[in-house]
Amino acid sequence: MAEITEMVPQKESGTVKTLELKKPLLVNGEELTEIPYDFESMTVGNKLAVTKNMASAGFTMTQVEEFDPVYHLFLFAKAVEVATKEQIATADVLRMSARDGQEAGALARSFFYLSED
């Protein structure tokens, strides 16, 4: 099996968006009221690494990724890592409030599976 390498996008693309948090999140001693994410700059390697990240955290993916809310949340977490150059990690994203996590997962699902672009 080939080893998957996550690639960092070559240039800034101006595609970073932010999620306004309902409940602030403490990351590296800083209280965040919004969290940046960038789905557009994710690579195939980034997307494939999400499944590995899920397994490392003790989660399994369902057979249909389009309907897996845990997978969607981990996709969002990877988009945060991409947007922040890993200054905010998946473990930080997993500490968001459940309500913010629900919205974050919905953003990922919408981008990857519901958008017509």
C-alpha atoms as a PDB file:
ATOM      1  CA  MET A   1       0.000   0.000   0.000  1.00  0.00           C
ATOM      2  CA  ALA A   2       1.355   3.414  -0.941  1.00  0.00           C
ATOM      3  CA  GLU A   3       2.199   5.840   1.820  1.00  0.00           C
ATOM      4  CA  ILE A   4       0.021   8.948   1.757  1.00  0.00           C
ATOM      5  CA  THR A   5       1.792  12.247   2.123  1.00  0.00           C
ATOM      6  CA  GLU A   6      -0.212  15.319   3.005  1.00  0.00           C
ATOM      7  CA  MET A   7       0.768  18.225   0.844  1.00  0.00           C
ATOM      8  CA  VAL A   8       0.617  21.848   1.873  1.00  0.00           C
ATOM      9  CA  PRO A   9      -0.873  24.094  -0.822  1.00  0.00           C
ATOM     10  CA  GLN A  10       1.825  25.879  -2.824  1.00  0.00           C
ATOM     11  CA  LYS A  11       0.408  29.392  -2.522  1.00  0.00           C
ATOM     12  CA  GLU A  12      -2.116  31.430  -0.611  1.00  0.00           C
ATOM     13  CA  SER A  13      -5.455  31.149  -2.335  1.00  0.00           C
ATOM     14  CA  GLY A  14      -7.605  33.606  -0.431  1.00  0.00           C
ATOM     15  CA  THR A  15     -10.170  30.906   0.257  1.00  0.00           C
ATOM     16  CA  VAL A  16     -10.045  30.945   4.053  1.00  0.00           C
ATOM     17  CA  LYS A  17     -13.451  31.364   5.686  1.00  0.00           C
ATOM     18  CA  THR A  18     -14.395  31.541   9.354  1.00  0.00           C
ATOM     19  CA  LEU A  19     -16.957  29.832  11.540  1.00  0.00           C
ATOM     20  CA  GLU A  20     -18.339  32.095  14.266  1.00  0.00           C
ATOM     21  CA  LEU A  21     -18.374  30.039  17.438  1.00  0.00           C
ATOM     22  CA  LYS A  22     -21.389  30.083  19.747  1.00  0.00           C
ATOM     23  CA  LYS A  23     -19.087  29.143  22.629  1.00  0.00           C
ATOM     24  CA  PRO A  24     -15.473  30.385  22.714  1.00  0.00           C
ATOM     25  CA  LEU A  25     -12.720  27.798  22.373  1.00  0.00           C
ATOM     26  CA  LEU A  26      -9.424  27.988  24.239  1.00  0.00           C
ATOM     27  CA  VAL A  27      -6.489  27.126  21.932  1.00  0.00           C
ATOM     28  CA  ASN A  28      -2.858  27.595  22.924  1.00  0.00           C
ATOM     29  CA  GLY A  29      -3.881  29.941  25.738  1.00  0.00           C
ATOM     30  CA  GLU A  30      -5.997  32.128  23.437  1.00  0.00           C
ATOM     31  CA  GLU A  31      -9.791  32.305  23.560  1.00  0.00           C
ATOM     32  CA  LEU A  32     -11.186  32.036  20.031  1.00  0.00           C
ATOM     33  CA  THR A  33     -14.628  33.305  19.074  1.00  0.00           C
ATOM     34  CA  GLU A  34     -14.211  32.231  15.458  1.00  0.00           C
ATOM     35  CA  ILE A  35     -12.218  29.527  13.763  1.00  0.00           C
ATOM     36  CA  PRO A  36     -10.733  29.701  10.248  1.00  0.00           C
ATOM     37  CA  TYR A  37     -11.108  26.864   7.737  1.00  0.00           C
ATOM     38  CA  ASP A  38     -10.197  26.328   4.092  1.00  0.00           C
ATOM     39  CA  PHE A  39     -11.766  23.472   2.144  1.00  0.00           C
ATOM     40  CA  GLU A  40     -10.625  24.836  -1.230  1.00  0.00           C
ATOM     41  CA  SER A  41      -6.926  24.501  -0.363  1.00  0.00           C
ATOM     42  CA  MET A  42      -7.178  20.931   0.908  1.00  0.00           C
ATOM     43  CA  THR A  43      -5.305  18.344  -1.138  1.00  0.00           C
ATOM     44  CA  VAL A  44      -6.262  14.760  -1.896  1.00  0.00           C
ATOM     45  CA  GLY A  45      -3.645  13.746   0.666  1.00  0.00           C
ATOM     46  CA  ASN A  46      -5.343  15.933   3.282  1.00  0.00           C
ATOM     47  CA  LYS A  47      -8.710  14.344   2.554  1.00  0.00           C
ATOM     48  CA  LEU A  48      -7.327  10.805   2.681  1.00  0.00           C
ATOM     49  CA  ALA A  49      -5.552  11.527   5.979  1.00  0.00           C
ATOM     50  CA  VAL A  50      -8.912  12.293   7.591  1.00  0.00           C
ATOM     51  CA  THR A  51      -9.794   8.591   7.780  1.00  0.00           C
ATOM     52  CA  LYS A  52      -6.442   7.875   9.443  1.00  0.00           C
ATOM     53  CA  ASN A  53      -7.048  10.724  11.923  1.00  0.00           C
ATOM     54  CA  MET A  54     -10.474   9.299  12.728  1.00  0.00           C
ATOM     55  CA  ALA A  55      -9.026   5.848  13.406  1.00  0.00           C
ATOM     56  CA  SER A  56      -6.282   7.328  15.607  1.00  0.00           C
ATOM     57  CA  ALA A  57      -8.972   9.064  17.659  1.00  0.00           C
ATOM     58  CA  GLY A  58     -10.949   5.815  18.012  1.00  0.00           C
ATOM     59  CA  PHE A  59     -13.675   6.461  15.417  1.00  0.00           C
ATOM     60  CA  THR A  60     -14.636   4.345  12.424  1.00  0.00           C
ATOM     61  CA  MET A  61     -16.142   5.565   9.195  1.00  0.00           C
ATOM     62  CA  THR A  62     -19.423   4.279   7.838  1.00  0.00           C
ATOM     63  CA  GLN A  63     -19.559   2.784   4.351  1.00  0.00           C
ATOM     64  CA  VAL A  64     -21.083   5.963   2.894  1.00  0.00           C
ATOM     65  CA  GLU A  65     -18.914   9.000   3.614  1.00  0.00           C
ATOM     66  CA  GLU A  66     -21.571  11.409   2.342  1.00  0.00           C
ATOM     67  CA  PHE A  67     -23.772  10.543   5.339  1.00  0.00           C
ATOM     68  CA  ASP A  68     -21.140  10.168   8.071  1.00  0.00           C
ATOM     69  CA  PRO A  69     -21.333  13.131  10.493  1.00  0.00           C
ATOM     70  CA  VAL A  70     -18.128  12.109  12.308  1.00  0.00           C
ATOM     71  CA  TYR A  71     -16.244  12.060   9.002  1.00  0.00           C
ATOM     72  CA  HIS A  72     -17.648  15.505   8.171  1.00  0.00           C
ATOM     73  CA  LEU A  73     -16.400  16.893  11.479  1.00  0.00           C
ATOM     74  CA  PHE A  74     -12.928  15.474  10.852  1.00  0.00           C
ATOM     75  CA  LEU A  75     -12.986  16.988   7.336  1.00  0.00           C
ATOM     76  CA  PHE A  76     -13.712  20.348   8.945  1.00  0.00           C
ATOM     77  CA  ALA A  77     -10.859  19.805  11.415  1.00  0.00           C
ATOM     78  CA  LYS A  78      -8.455  19.122   8.543  1.00  0.00           C
ATOM     79  CA  ALA A  79      -9.657  22.291   6.786  1.00  0.00           C
ATOM     80  CA  VAL A  80      -8.868  24.198  10.004  1.00  0.00           C
ATOM     81  CA  GLU A  81      -5.371  22.696  10.087  1.00  0.00           C
ATOM     82  CA  VAL A  82      -4.864  23.741   6.452  1.00  0.00           C
ATOM     83  CA  ALA A  83      -6.129  27.291   7.070  1.00  0.00           C
ATOM     84  CA  THR A  84      -4.008  27.779  10.181  1.00  0.00           C
ATOM     85  CA  LYS A  85      -0.917  25.878   8.979  1.00  0.00           C
ATOM     86  CA  GLU A  86      -1.569  23.427  11.847  1.00  0.00           C
ATOM     87  CA  GLN A  87      -1.601  26.125  14.549  1.00  0.00           C
ATOM     88  CA  ILE A  88      -5.057  24.759  15.417  1.00  0.00           C
ATOM     89  CA  ALA A  89      -5.040  20.961  15.473  1.00  0.00           C
ATOM     90  CA  THR A  90      -7.765  18.362  15.098  1.00  0.00           C
ATOM     91  CA  ALA A  91      -7.646  17.787  18.875  1.00  0.00           C
ATOM     92  CA  ASP A  92      -8.495  21.481  19.384  1.00  0.00           C
ATOM     93  CA  VAL A  93     -11.428  21.292  16.974  1.00  0.00           C
ATOM     94  CA  LEU A  94     -12.774  18.237  18.792  1.00  0.00           C
ATOM     95  CA  ARG A  95     -13.051  20.372  21.951  1.00  0.00           C
ATOM     96  CA  MET A  96     -15.561  22.742  20.320  1.00  0.00           C
ATOM     97  CA  SER A  97     -19.054  22.772  21.746  1.00  0.00           C
ATOM     98  CA  ALA A  98     -21.408  20.161  20.312  1.00  0.00           C
ATOM     99  CA  ARG A  99     -23.514  22.908  18.741  1.00  0.00           C
ATOM    100  CA  ASP A 100     -20.485  24.449  17.008  1.00  0.00           C
ATOM    101  CA  GLY A 101     -19.347  20.971  15.976  1.00  0.00           C
ATOM    102  CA  GLN A 102     -22.713  20.282  14.388  1.00  0.00           C
ATOM    103  CA  GLU A 103     -22.431  23.446  12.307  1.00  0.00           C
ATOM    104  CA  ALA A 104     -18.804  22.670  11.397  1.00  0.00           C
ATOM    105  CA  GLY A 105     -19.725  19.198  10.151  1.00  0.00           C
ATOM    106  CA  ALA A 106     -22.611  20.627   8.138  1.00  0.00           C
ATOM    107  CA  LEU A 107     -20.202  23.050   6.426  1.00  0.00           C
ATOM    108  CA  ALA A 108     -17.980  20.152   5.353  1.00  0.00           C
ATOM    109  CA  ARG A 109     -20.900  18.061   4.127  1.00  0.00           C
ATOM    110  CA  SER A 110     -22.287  20.990   2.188  1.00  0.00           C
ATOM    111  CA  PHE A 111     -18.936  21.788   0.564  1.00  0.00           C
ATOM    112  CA  PHE A 112     -17.969  18.264  -0.445  1.00  0.00           C
ATOM    113  CA  TYR A 113     -21.320  16.594  -1.129  1.00  0.00           C
ATOM    114  CA  LEU A 114     -24.067  19.156  -1.668  1.00  0.00           C
ATOM    115  CA  SER A 115     -22.491  22.020  -3.596  1.00  0.00           C
ATOM    116  CA  GLU A 116     -23.012  22.169  -7.313  1.00  0.00           C
ATOM    117  CA  ASP A 117     -19.765  24.009  -8.072  1.00  0.00           C
END
